[in-house]
Amino acid sequence: MSREAKTKRIHLLGASGSGTTTLGRALVERLNCPHFDTDDYFWLPTDPPFTHKRDTPWRQQRLMDDLTTHDAWVLSGSLCGWGDVAIPLFELQQ
């Protein structure tokens, strides 16, 4: 991990389809750190996608497990209504 990314914990928030996932993927290439997306925690994998929500405690636990395992990361997507538990970890929220 690059020195620049060692203390970066960034949350990119925006509405569905606003480009936060795309921006997050591009940013982690420059920062050399993991990218997490809130859709992966919020939605069960279904066909068609985005039709069944995961239970809130499951989402919160998995998100916190992933974020606290790494010193630096970029998280993209909305946490509205379920993700306040992660807010104290953010160093930058855009």
PDB file of N, CA and C in Angstrom:
ATOM      1  N   MET A   1       0.848  -1.176   0.000  1.00  0.00           N
ATOM      2  CA  MET A   1       0.000   0.000   0.000  1.00  0.00           C
ATOM      3  C   MET A   1       0.889   1.233   0.000  1.00  0.00           C
ATOM      4  N   SER A   2       0.536   2.201  -0.807  1.00  0.00           N
ATOM      5  CA  SER A   2       1.341   3.406  -0.877  1.00  0.00           C
ATOM      6  C   SER A   2       1.227   4.205   0.412  1.00  0.00           C
ATOM      7  N   ARG A   3       2.245   5.004   0.663  1.00  0.00           N
ATOM      8  CA  ARG A   3       2.229   5.820   1.878  1.00  0.00           C
ATOM      9  C   ARG A   3       1.024   6.760   1.886  1.00  0.00           C
ATOM     10  N   GLU A   4       0.702   7.297   0.725  1.00  0.00           N
ATOM     11  CA  GLU A   4      -0.412   8.228   0.613  1.00  0.00           C
ATOM     12  C   GLU A   4      -1.726   7.598   1.073  1.00  0.00           C
ATOM     13  N   ALA A   5      -1.898   6.313   0.834  1.00  0.00           N
ATOM     14  CA  ALA A   5      -3.168   5.656   1.138  1.00  0.00           C
ATOM     15  C   ALA A   5      -3.255   5.115   2.558  1.00  0.00           C
ATOM     16  N   LYS A   6      -2.191   5.148   3.321  1.00  0.00           N
ATOM     17  CA  LYS A   6      -2.194   4.504   4.634  1.00  0.00           C
ATOM     18  C   LYS A   6      -3.257   5.034   5.579  1.00  0.00           C
ATOM     19  N   THR A   7      -3.593   6.282   5.492  1.00  0.00           N
ATOM     20  CA  THR A   7      -4.587   6.818   6.416  1.00  0.00           C
ATOM     21  C   THR A   7      -5.840   7.316   5.700  1.00  0.00           C
ATOM     22  N   LYS A   8      -6.049   6.892   4.497  1.00  0.00           N
ATOM     23  CA  LYS A   8      -7.222   7.333   3.747  1.00  0.00           C
ATOM     24  C   LYS A   8      -8.382   6.367   3.967  1.00  0.00           C
ATOM     25  N   ARG A   9      -9.439   6.899   4.518  1.00  0.00           N
ATOM     26  CA  ARG A   9     -10.691   6.151   4.663  1.00  0.00           C
ATOM     27  C   ARG A   9     -11.783   7.066   4.114  1.00  0.00           C
ATOM     28  N   ILE A  10     -12.154   6.793   2.875  1.00  0.00           N
ATOM     29  CA  ILE A  10     -12.975   7.717   2.097  1.00  0.00           C
ATOM     30  C   ILE A  10     -14.348   7.116   1.812  1.00  0.00           C
ATOM     31  N   HIS A  11     -15.386   7.910   2.015  1.00  0.00           N
ATOM     32  CA  HIS A  11     -16.745   7.509   1.641  1.00  0.00           C
ATOM     33  C   HIS A  11     -17.241   8.418   0.528  1.00  0.00           C
ATOM     34  N   LEU A  12     -17.546   7.819  -0.608  1.00  0.00           N
ATOM     35  CA  LEU A  12     -18.137   8.527  -1.741  1.00  0.00           C
ATOM     36  C   LEU A  12     -19.629   8.221  -1.732  1.00  0.00           C
ATOM     37  N   LEU A  13     -20.442   9.242  -1.505  1.00  0.00           N
ATOM     38  CA  LEU A  13     -21.865   8.974  -1.419  1.00  0.00           C
ATOM     39  C   LEU A  13     -22.623   9.645  -2.539  1.00  0.00           C
ATOM     40  N   GLY A  14     -23.705   9.005  -2.920  1.00  0.00           N
ATOM     41  CA  GLY A  14     -24.562   9.540  -3.961  1.00  0.00           C
ATOM     42  C   GLY A  14     -25.705   8.586  -4.229  1.00  0.00           C
ATOM     43  N   ALA A  15     -26.665   9.055  -4.962  1.00  0.00           N
ATOM     44  CA  ALA A  15     -27.834   8.247  -5.298  1.00  0.00           C
ATOM     45  C   ALA A  15     -27.455   7.120  -6.255  1.00  0.00           C
ATOM     46  N   SER A  16     -28.308   6.116  -6.335  1.00  0.00           N
ATOM     47  CA  SER A  16     -28.095   5.015  -7.277  1.00  0.00           C
ATOM     48  C   SER A  16     -27.924   5.570  -8.686  1.00  0.00           C
ATOM     49  N   GLY A  17     -26.910   5.073  -9.383  1.00  0.00           N
ATOM     50  CA  GLY A  17     -26.665   5.501 -10.750  1.00  0.00           C
ATOM     51  C   GLY A  17     -25.899   6.796 -10.899  1.00  0.00           C
ATOM     52  N   SER A  18     -25.428   7.367  -9.788  1.00  0.00           N
ATOM     53  CA  SER A  18     -24.740   8.662  -9.857  1.00  0.00           C
ATOM     54  C   SER A  18     -23.239   8.546 -10.127  1.00  0.00           C
ATOM     55  N   GLY A  19     -22.706   7.335 -10.162  1.00  0.00           N
ATOM     56  CA  GLY A  19     -21.298   7.153 -10.502  1.00  0.00           C
ATOM     57  C   GLY A  19     -20.355   6.944  -9.334  1.00  0.00           C
ATOM     58  N   THR A  20     -20.871   6.762  -8.122  1.00  0.00           N
ATOM     59  CA  THR A  20     -19.965   6.597  -6.979  1.00  0.00           C
ATOM     60  C   THR A  20     -19.147   5.313  -7.083  1.00  0.00           C
ATOM     61  N   THR A  21     -19.732   4.247  -7.593  1.00  0.00           N
ATOM     62  CA  THR A  21     -18.990   2.989  -7.746  1.00  0.00           C
ATOM     63  C   THR A  21     -17.888   3.149  -8.780  1.00  0.00           C
ATOM     64  N   THR A  22     -18.199   3.761  -9.897  1.00  0.00           N
ATOM     65  CA  THR A  22     -17.204   3.990 -10.948  1.00  0.00           C
ATOM     66  C   THR A  22     -16.067   4.860 -10.435  1.00  0.00           C
ATOM     67  N   LEU A  23     -16.390   5.931  -9.739  1.00  0.00           N
ATOM     68  CA  LEU A  23     -15.367   6.803  -9.172  1.00  0.00           C
ATOM     69  C   LEU A  23     -14.546   6.055  -8.124  1.00  0.00           C
ATOM     70  N   GLY A  24     -15.198   5.268  -7.293  1.00  0.00           N
ATOM     71  CA  GLY A  24     -14.488   4.497  -6.276  1.00  0.00           C
ATOM     72  C   GLY A  24     -13.484   3.536  -6.882  1.00  0.00           C
ATOM     73  N   ARG A  25     -13.877   2.840  -7.930  1.00  0.00           N
ATOM     74  CA  ARG A  25     -12.966   1.902  -8.603  1.00  0.00           C
ATOM     75  C   ARG A  25     -11.759   2.626  -9.185  1.00  0.00           C
ATOM     76  N   ALA A  26     -11.981   3.790  -9.760  1.00  0.00           N
ATOM     77  CA  ALA A  26     -10.868   4.567 -10.325  1.00  0.00           C
ATOM     78  C   ALA A  26      -9.949   5.085  -9.223  1.00  0.00           C
ATOM     79  N   LEU A  27     -10.527   5.529  -8.138  1.00  0.00           N
ATOM     80  CA  LEU A  27      -9.739   6.093  -7.044  1.00  0.00           C
ATOM     81  C   LEU A  27      -8.837   5.055  -6.389  1.00  0.00           C
ATOM     82  N   VAL A  28      -9.328   3.838  -6.195  1.00  0.00           N
ATOM     83  CA  VAL A  28      -8.493   2.827  -5.528  1.00  0.00           C
ATOM     84  C   VAL A  28      -7.311   2.400  -6.388  1.00  0.00           C
ATOM     85  N   GLU A  29      -7.420   2.559  -7.692  1.00  0.00           N
ATOM     86  CA  GLU A  29      -6.268   2.275  -8.549  1.00  0.00           C
ATOM     87  C   GLU A  29      -5.132   3.249  -8.255  1.00  0.00           C
ATOM     88  N   ARG A  30      -5.463   4.485  -7.958  1.00  0.00           N
ATOM     89  CA  ARG A  30      -4.438   5.493  -7.639  1.00  0.00           C
ATOM     90  C   ARG A  30      -3.952   5.374  -6.206  1.00  0.00           C
ATOM     91  N   LEU A  31      -4.851   5.006  -5.297  1.00  0.00           N
ATOM     92  CA  LEU A  31      -4.484   4.931  -3.877  1.00  0.00           C
ATOM     93  C   LEU A  31      -3.951   3.563  -3.466  1.00  0.00           C
ATOM     94  N   ASN A  32      -4.159   2.557  -4.311  1.00  0.00           N
ATOM     95  CA  ASN A  32      -3.698   1.202  -4.014  1.00  0.00           C
ATOM     96  C   ASN A  32      -4.286   0.696  -2.690  1.00  0.00           C
ATOM     97  N   CYS A  33      -5.594   0.736  -2.600  1.00  0.00           N
ATOM     98  CA  CYS A  33      -6.290   0.254  -1.411  1.00  0.00           C
ATOM     99  C   CYS A  33      -7.585  -0.426  -1.847  1.00  0.00           C
ATOM    100  N   PRO A  34      -8.251  -1.142  -0.946  1.00  0.00           N
ATOM    101  CA  PRO A  34      -9.480  -1.842  -1.319  1.00  0.00           C
ATOM    102  C   PRO A  34     -10.658  -0.897  -1.554  1.00  0.00           C
ATOM    103  N   HIS A  35     -11.565  -1.371  -2.381  1.00  0.00           N
ATOM    104  CA  HIS A  35     -12.819  -0.660  -2.648  1.00  0.00           C
ATOM    105  C   HIS A  35     -13.972  -1.522  -2.150  1.00  0.00           C
ATOM    106  N   PHE A  36     -14.876  -0.904  -1.426  1.00  0.00           N
ATOM    107  CA  PHE A  36     -16.096  -1.567  -0.969  1.00  0.00           C
ATOM    108  C   PHE A  36     -17.279  -0.753  -1.472  1.00  0.00           C
ATOM    109  N   ASP A  37     -18.356  -1.446  -1.819  1.00  0.00           N
ATOM    110  CA  ASP A  37     -19.544  -0.761  -2.320  1.00  0.00           C
ATOM    111  C   ASP A  37     -20.747  -1.152  -1.475  1.00  0.00           C
ATOM    112  N   THR A  38     -21.523  -0.163  -1.069  1.00  0.00           N
ATOM    113  CA  THR A  38     -22.643  -0.424  -0.163  1.00  0.00           C
ATOM    114  C   THR A  38     -23.687  -1.352  -0.775  1.00  0.00           C
ATOM    115  N   ASP A  39     -23.826  -1.360  -2.094  1.00  0.00           N
ATOM    116  CA  ASP A  39     -24.784  -2.282  -2.715  1.00  0.00           C
ATOM    117  C   ASP A  39     -24.463  -3.737  -2.386  1.00  0.00           C
ATOM    118  N   ASP A  40     -23.182  -4.060  -2.260  1.00  0.00           N
ATOM    119  CA  ASP A  40     -22.784  -5.437  -1.951  1.00  0.00           C
ATOM    120  C   ASP A  40     -23.243  -5.870  -0.564  1.00  0.00           C
ATOM    121  N   TYR A  41     -23.399  -4.922   0.331  1.00  0.00           N
ATOM    122  CA  TYR A  41     -23.860  -5.212   1.692  1.00  0.00           C
ATOM    123  C   TYR A  41     -25.384  -5.127   1.786  1.00  0.00           C
ATOM    124  N   PHE A  42     -25.964  -4.200   1.056  1.00  0.00           N
ATOM    125  CA  PHE A  42     -27.392  -3.911   1.173  1.00  0.00           C
ATOM    126  C   PHE A  42     -28.268  -4.950   0.480  1.00  0.00           C
ATOM    127  N   TRP A  43     -27.863  -5.375  -0.714  1.00  0.00           N
ATOM    128  CA  TRP A  43     -28.711  -6.227  -1.541  1.00  0.00           C
ATOM    129  C   TRP A  43     -28.246  -7.673  -1.571  1.00  0.00           C
ATOM    130  N   LEU A  44     -29.211  -8.586  -1.523  1.00  0.00           N
ATOM    131  CA  LEU A  44     -28.919  -9.995  -1.773  1.00  0.00           C
ATOM    132  C   LEU A  44     -28.655 -10.177  -3.265  1.00  0.00           C
ATOM    133  N   PRO A  45     -27.762 -11.107  -3.627  1.00  0.00           N
ATOM    134  CA  PRO A  45     -27.555 -11.358  -5.057  1.00  0.00           C
ATOM    135  C   PRO A  45     -28.808 -12.038  -5.644  1.00  0.00           C
ATOM    136  N   THR A  46     -29.459 -11.382  -6.568  1.00  0.00           N
ATOM    137  CA  THR A  46     -30.679 -11.897  -7.187  1.00  0.00           C
ATOM    138  C   THR A  46     -30.661 -11.614  -8.682  1.00  0.00           C
ATOM    139  N   ASP A  47     -31.530 -12.278  -9.396  1.00  0.00           N
ATOM    140  CA  ASP A  47     -31.700 -12.032 -10.814  1.00  0.00           C
ATOM    141  C   ASP A  47     -33.184 -11.809 -11.057  1.00  0.00           C
ATOM    142  N   PRO A  48     -33.596 -10.597 -11.358  1.00  0.00           N
ATOM    143  CA  PRO A  48     -32.793  -9.402 -11.580  1.00  0.00           C
ATOM    144  C   PRO A  48     -32.222  -8.857 -10.267  1.00  0.00           C
ATOM    145  N   PRO A  49     -31.155  -8.066 -10.377  1.00  0.00           N
ATOM    146  CA  PRO A  49     -30.504  -7.550  -9.166  1.00  0.00           C
ATOM    147  C   PRO A  49     -31.328  -6.474  -8.456  1.00  0.00           C
ATOM    148  N   PHE A  50     -30.929  -6.217  -7.226  1.00  0.00           N
ATOM    149  CA  PHE A  50     -31.476  -5.116  -6.418  1.00  0.00           C
ATOM    150  C   PHE A  50     -32.972  -5.274  -6.129  1.00  0.00           C
ATOM    151  N   THR A  51     -33.379  -6.497  -5.805  1.00  0.00           N
ATOM    152  CA  THR A  51     -34.792  -6.728  -5.508  1.00  0.00           C
ATOM    153  C   THR A  51     -35.044  -7.178  -4.075  1.00  0.00           C
ATOM    154  N   HIS A  52     -34.031  -7.752  -3.399  1.00  0.00           N
ATOM    155  CA  HIS A  52     -34.225  -8.233  -2.028  1.00  0.00           C
ATOM    156  C   HIS A  52     -33.105  -7.704  -1.135  1.00  0.00           C
ATOM    157  N   LYS A  53     -33.516  -7.032  -0.058  1.00  0.00           N
ATOM    158  CA  LYS A  53     -32.554  -6.450   0.886  1.00  0.00           C
ATOM    159  C   LYS A  53     -32.037  -7.508   1.864  1.00  0.00           C
ATOM    160  N   ARG A  54     -30.795  -7.309   2.291  1.00  0.00           N
ATOM    161  CA  ARG A  54     -30.250  -8.118   3.387  1.00  0.00           C
ATOM    162  C   ARG A  54     -30.748  -7.528   4.705  1.00  0.00           C
ATOM    163  N   ASP A  55     -30.738  -8.318   5.767  1.00  0.00           N
ATOM    164  CA  ASP A  55     -31.100  -7.828   7.096  1.00  0.00           C
ATOM    165  C   ASP A  55     -30.092  -6.776   7.548  1.00  0.00           C
ATOM    166  N   THR A  56     -30.585  -5.732   8.199  1.00  0.00           N
ATOM    167  CA  THR A  56     -29.731  -4.624   8.630  1.00  0.00           C
ATOM    168  C   THR A  56     -28.582  -5.075   9.526  1.00  0.00           C
ATOM    169  N   PRO A  57     -28.794  -5.903  10.559  1.00  0.00           N
ATOM    170  CA  PRO A  57     -27.651  -6.317  11.385  1.00  0.00           C
ATOM    171  C   PRO A  57     -26.565  -7.041  10.577  1.00  0.00           C
ATOM    172  N   TRP A  58     -26.952  -7.842   9.598  1.00  0.00           N
ATOM    173  CA  TRP A  58     -25.982  -8.535   8.750  1.00  0.00           C
ATOM    174  C   TRP A  58     -25.159  -7.514   7.980  1.00  0.00           C
ATOM    175  N   ARG A  59     -25.842  -6.534   7.360  1.00  0.00           N
ATOM    176  CA  ARG A  59     -25.147  -5.490   6.590  1.00  0.00           C
ATOM    177  C   ARG A  59     -24.131  -4.760   7.448  1.00  0.00           C
ATOM    178  N   GLN A  60     -24.585  -4.314   8.607  1.00  0.00           N
ATOM    179  CA  GLN A  60     -23.724  -3.532   9.490  1.00  0.00           C
ATOM    180  C   GLN A  60     -22.506  -4.333   9.933  1.00  0.00           C
ATOM    181  N   GLN A  61     -22.705  -5.585  10.309  1.00  0.00           N
ATOM    182  CA  GLN A  61     -21.590  -6.405  10.788  1.00  0.00           C
ATOM    183  C   GLN A  61     -20.574  -6.653   9.690  1.00  0.00           C
ATOM    184  N   ARG A  62     -21.023  -7.030   8.497  1.00  0.00           N
ATOM    185  CA  ARG A  62     -20.092  -7.311   7.398  1.00  0.00           C
ATOM    186  C   ARG A  62     -19.350  -6.053   6.969  1.00  0.00           C
ATOM    187  N   LEU A  63     -20.060  -4.937   6.907  1.00  0.00           N
ATOM    188  CA  LEU A  63     -19.412  -3.679   6.546  1.00  0.00           C
ATOM    189  C   LEU A  63     -18.323  -3.332   7.553  1.00  0.00           C
ATOM    190  N   MET A  64     -18.640  -3.387   8.828  1.00  0.00           N
ATOM    191  CA  MET A  64     -17.656  -3.052   9.858  1.00  0.00           C
ATOM    192  C   MET A  64     -16.496  -4.040   9.851  1.00  0.00           C
ATOM    193  N   ASP A  65     -16.776  -5.321   9.626  1.00  0.00           N
ATOM    194  CA  ASP A  65     -15.696  -6.314   9.522  1.00  0.00           C
ATOM    195  C   ASP A  65     -14.724  -5.922   8.419  1.00  0.00           C
ATOM    196  N   ASP A  66     -15.242  -5.567   7.251  1.00  0.00           N
ATOM    197  CA  ASP A  66     -14.373  -5.203   6.129  1.00  0.00           C
ATOM    198  C   ASP A  66     -13.626  -3.899   6.378  1.00  0.00           C
ATOM    199  N   LEU A  67     -14.322  -2.882   6.858  1.00  0.00           N
ATOM    200  CA  LEU A  67     -13.678  -1.577   7.036  1.00  0.00           C
ATOM    201  C   LEU A  67     -12.632  -1.588   8.138  1.00  0.00           C
ATOM    202  N   THR A  68     -12.857  -2.323   9.199  1.00  0.00           N
ATOM    203  CA  THR A  68     -11.898  -2.334  10.308  1.00  0.00           C
ATOM    204  C   THR A  68     -10.726  -3.276  10.066  1.00  0.00           C
ATOM    205  N   THR A  69     -10.778  -4.051   9.007  1.00  0.00           N
ATOM    206  CA  THR A  69      -9.679  -4.957   8.662  1.00  0.00           C
ATOM    207  C   THR A  69      -8.563  -4.233   7.911  1.00  0.00           C
ATOM    208  N   HIS A  70      -8.854  -3.074   7.356  1.00  0.00           N
ATOM    209  CA  HIS A  70      -7.903  -2.348   6.510  1.00  0.00           C
ATOM    210  C   HIS A  70      -7.653  -0.946   7.054  1.00  0.00           C
ATOM    211  N   ASP A  71      -6.417  -0.477   6.878  1.00  0.00           N
ATOM    212  CA  ASP A  71      -6.067   0.883   7.294  1.00  0.00           C
ATOM    213  C   ASP A  71      -6.595   1.932   6.325  1.00  0.00           C
ATOM    214  N   ALA A  72      -6.719   1.563   5.069  1.00  0.00           N
ATOM    215  CA  ALA A  72      -7.173   2.502   4.038  1.00  0.00           C
ATOM    216  C   ALA A  72      -8.186   1.796   3.154  1.00  0.00           C
ATOM    217  N   TRP A  73      -9.154   2.559   2.678  1.00  0.00           N
ATOM    218  CA  TRP A  73     -10.172   2.015   1.782  1.00  0.00           C
ATOM    219  C   TRP A  73     -10.989   3.153   1.200  1.00  0.00           C
ATOM    220  N   VAL A  74     -11.726   2.796   0.155  1.00  0.00           N
ATOM    221  CA  VAL A  74     -12.733   3.683  -0.415  1.00  0.00           C
ATOM    222  C   VAL A  74     -14.054   2.920  -0.360  1.00  0.00           C
ATOM    223  N   LEU A  75     -15.054   3.559   0.205  1.00  0.00           N
ATOM    224  CA  LEU A  75     -16.402   3.003   0.280  1.00  0.00           C
ATOM    225  C   LEU A  75     -17.296   3.856  -0.608  1.00  0.00           C
ATOM    226  N   SER A  76     -18.007   3.227  -1.525  1.00  0.00           N
ATOM    227  CA  SER A  76     -18.908   3.980  -2.398  1.00  0.00           C
ATOM    228  C   SER A  76     -20.352   3.571  -2.144  1.00  0.00           C
ATOM    229  N   GLY A  77     -21.249   4.544  -2.324  1.00  0.00           N
ATOM    230  CA  GLY A  77     -22.672   4.274  -2.206  1.00  0.00           C
ATOM    231  C   GLY A  77     -23.299   4.861  -0.955  1.00  0.00           C
ATOM    232  N   SER A  78     -24.597   4.653  -0.855  1.00  0.00           N
ATOM    233  CA  SER A  78     -25.377   5.237   0.230  1.00  0.00           C
ATOM    234  C   SER A  78     -25.447   4.329   1.454  1.00  0.00           C
ATOM    235  N   LEU A  79     -25.311   4.941   2.615  1.00  0.00           N
ATOM    236  CA  LEU A  79     -25.494   4.253   3.894  1.00  0.00           C
ATOM    237  C   LEU A  79     -26.752   4.747   4.606  1.00  0.00           C
ATOM    238  N   CYS A  80     -27.548   5.542   3.919  1.00  0.00           N
ATOM    239  CA  CYS A  80     -28.726   6.170   4.530  1.00  0.00           C
ATOM    240  C   CYS A  80     -29.666   5.127   5.127  1.00  0.00           C
ATOM    241  N   GLY A  81     -29.983   5.334   6.392  1.00  0.00           N
ATOM    242  CA  GLY A  81     -30.938   4.483   7.070  1.00  0.00           C
ATOM    243  C   GLY A  81     -30.377   3.225   7.688  1.00  0.00           C
ATOM    244  N   TRP A  82     -29.079   2.919   7.455  1.00  0.00           N
ATOM    245  CA  TRP A  82     -28.543   1.691   8.040  1.00  0.00           C
ATOM    246  C   TRP A  82     -27.056   1.757   8.384  1.00  0.00           C
ATOM    247  N   GLY A  83     -26.308   2.684   7.859  1.00  0.00           N
ATOM    248  CA  GLY A  83     -24.861   2.629   7.995  1.00  0.00           C
ATOM    249  C   GLY A  83     -24.211   3.631   8.920  1.00  0.00           C
ATOM    250  N   ASP A  84     -24.987   4.278   9.784  1.00  0.00           N
ATOM    251  CA  ASP A  84     -24.392   5.272  10.689  1.00  0.00           C
ATOM    252  C   ASP A  84     -23.282   4.686  11.551  1.00  0.00           C
ATOM    253  N   VAL A  85     -23.310   3.394  11.773  1.00  0.00           N
ATOM    254  CA  VAL A  85     -22.294   2.740  12.587  1.00  0.00           C
ATOM    255  C   VAL A  85     -20.889   2.948  12.003  1.00  0.00           C
ATOM    256  N   ALA A  86     -20.778   3.167  10.705  1.00  0.00           N
ATOM    257  CA  ALA A  86     -19.473   3.310  10.047  1.00  0.00           C
ATOM    258  C   ALA A  86     -18.962   4.744  10.006  1.00  0.00           C
ATOM    259  N   ILE A  87     -19.806   5.715  10.238  1.00  0.00           N
ATOM    260  CA  ILE A  87     -19.422   7.124  10.090  1.00  0.00           C
ATOM    261  C   ILE A  87     -18.177   7.505  10.893  1.00  0.00           C
ATOM    262  N   PRO A  88     -17.993   7.043  12.126  1.00  0.00           N
ATOM    263  CA  PRO A  88     -16.784   7.432  12.866  1.00  0.00           C
ATOM    264  C   PRO A  88     -15.473   6.991  12.202  1.00  0.00           C
ATOM    265  N   LEU A  89     -15.537   6.054  11.274  1.00  0.00           N
ATOM    266  CA  LEU A  89     -14.326   5.577  10.603  1.00  0.00           C
ATOM    267  C   LEU A  89     -13.886   6.475   9.453  1.00  0.00           C
ATOM    268  N   PHE A  90     -14.771   7.310   8.929  1.00  0.00           N
ATOM    269  CA  PHE A  90     -14.470   8.103   7.737  1.00  0.00           C
ATOM    270  C   PHE A  90     -13.488   9.224   8.054  1.00  0.00           C
ATOM    271  N   GLU A  91     -12.500   9.378   7.158  1.00  0.00           N
ATOM    272  CA  GLU A  91     -11.613  10.536   7.218  1.00  0.00           C
ATOM    273  C   GLU A  91     -12.033  11.587   6.198  1.00  0.00           C
ATOM    274  N   LEU A  92     -12.656  11.127   5.128  1.00  0.00           N
ATOM    275  CA  LEU A  92     -13.115  12.035   4.080  1.00  0.00           C
ATOM    276  C   LEU A  92     -14.427  11.501   3.550  1.00  0.00           C
ATOM    277  N   GLN A  93     -15.408  12.383   3.487  1.00  0.00           N
ATOM    278  CA  GLN A  93     -16.714  12.001   2.951  1.00  0.00           C
ATOM    279  C   GLN A  93     -17.081  13.012   1.882  1.00  0.00           C
ATOM    280  N   GLN A  94     -17.245  12.545   0.657  1.00  0.00           N
ATOM    281  CA  GLN A  94     -17.542  13.427  -0.486  1.00  0.00           C
ATOM    282  C   GLN A  94     -18.750  12.928  -1.231  1.00  0.00           C
TER     283      GLN A  94
END
